Protein backbone atom coordinates (compact mmCIF):
# COMPACT_ATOMS: atom_id res chain seq x y z
CA MET A 1 -24.46 63.75 -51.04
CA GLU A 2 -22.11 61.39 -49.19
CA SER A 3 -19.71 63.09 -46.81
CA MET A 4 -16.03 62.29 -46.69
CA TYR A 5 -16.20 61.54 -42.94
CA PRO A 6 -19.31 59.58 -41.98
CA VAL A 7 -20.26 59.60 -38.31
CA SER A 8 -21.21 56.32 -36.64
CA THR A 9 -23.03 56.23 -33.30
CA ASP A 10 -25.00 53.83 -31.16
CA GLY A 11 -28.19 55.89 -31.45
CA GLU A 12 -28.29 56.71 -27.72
CA ARG A 13 -27.98 60.47 -28.17
CA THR A 14 -30.93 62.06 -29.93
CA TRP A 15 -29.03 65.19 -31.02
CA TYR A 16 -26.36 63.35 -33.12
CA PRO A 17 -28.53 63.05 -36.26
CA MET A 18 -29.49 66.73 -36.06
CA ALA A 19 -25.87 67.82 -35.58
CA CYS A 20 -24.74 65.65 -38.50
CA GLN A 21 -27.47 67.07 -40.71
CA PHE A 22 -26.44 70.62 -39.76
CA LEU A 23 -22.79 69.81 -40.57
CA ARG A 24 -23.79 67.91 -43.74
CA LEU A 25 -22.26 64.67 -42.49
CA ASP A 26 -23.61 61.19 -43.07
CA HIS A 27 -24.89 59.60 -39.86
CA HIS A 28 -24.93 55.84 -39.37
CA VAL A 29 -26.52 54.17 -36.34
CA HIS A 30 -24.98 50.85 -35.37
CA SER A 31 -27.30 47.90 -34.85
CA PRO A 32 -27.25 46.13 -31.46
CA ILE A 33 -25.15 43.34 -33.03
CA GLU A 34 -22.61 45.82 -34.44
CA LYS A 35 -22.49 47.64 -31.10
CA SER A 36 -21.87 44.36 -29.27
CA ARG A 37 -19.06 43.40 -31.64
CA ILE A 38 -17.42 46.81 -31.29
CA GLU A 39 -17.60 46.66 -27.49
CA ARG A 40 -16.18 43.10 -27.43
CA THR A 41 -13.33 44.13 -29.74
CA ILE A 42 -12.46 47.13 -27.59
CA GLN A 43 -12.57 45.01 -24.41
CA TYR A 44 -10.36 42.37 -26.09
CA ILE A 45 -7.77 45.02 -26.99
CA LYS A 46 -7.90 46.52 -23.49
CA ASP A 47 -7.45 43.11 -21.82
CA ARG A 48 -4.54 42.16 -24.05
CA THR A 49 -2.73 45.49 -23.76
CA GLU A 50 -3.17 45.45 -19.98
CA SER A 51 -1.58 42.02 -19.68
CA PHE A 52 1.20 43.08 -22.07
CA ASP A 53 1.77 46.20 -19.94
CA ASP A 54 2.19 43.99 -16.86
CA TYR A 55 5.34 42.53 -18.45
CA PHE A 56 6.53 45.62 -20.34
CA PRO A 57 5.32 48.68 -18.40
CA CYS A 58 5.86 52.23 -19.59
CA ARG A 59 8.30 53.90 -17.23
CA LYS A 60 8.12 57.43 -18.66
CA LYS A 61 6.62 60.15 -16.44
CA SER A 62 4.82 62.12 -19.16
CA CYS A 63 4.20 59.50 -21.81
CA LYS A 64 3.70 61.05 -25.26
CA LEU A 65 1.62 59.67 -28.13
CA LYS A 66 4.75 58.70 -30.10
CA HIS A 67 5.91 56.60 -27.16
CA VAL A 68 2.50 54.92 -26.91
CA ARG A 69 2.68 54.07 -30.62
CA ASN A 70 6.16 52.63 -30.12
CA TRP A 71 4.81 50.58 -27.21
CA LEU A 72 1.85 49.28 -29.22
CA ASN A 73 3.98 48.10 -32.16
CA PRO A 74 5.66 45.27 -30.16
CA PHE A 75 2.26 44.34 -28.73
CA VAL A 76 0.77 44.02 -32.22
CA ASP A 77 3.78 42.03 -33.42
CA HIS A 78 3.51 39.69 -30.43
CA HIS A 79 -0.23 39.25 -30.90
CA ASN A 80 0.13 38.56 -34.65
CA ALA A 81 2.88 36.01 -33.98
CA GLN A 82 0.60 34.22 -31.51
CA MET A 83 -2.25 34.17 -34.03
CA ILE A 84 -0.02 32.72 -36.75
CA ASN A 85 1.29 29.98 -34.43
CA ALA A 86 -2.17 29.12 -33.06
């Protein structure tokens, strides 16, 4: 039976498969290549958002998730425009 919400891990924790089995969730272990690609993608996003934040910093004291989403939308638009013009 395939679960609606499969769980993907890097295989480092030995108890994940057992927990998934107990909860009747599908468990997928990423290969080293997949793990490397995921880590590079996350680092790419972090680097780009950090440089974007240098120019357009959030000035709110207690920044809420909605504000973060509103901040990310211009970043995504800017990034996509750069990719189209590249």
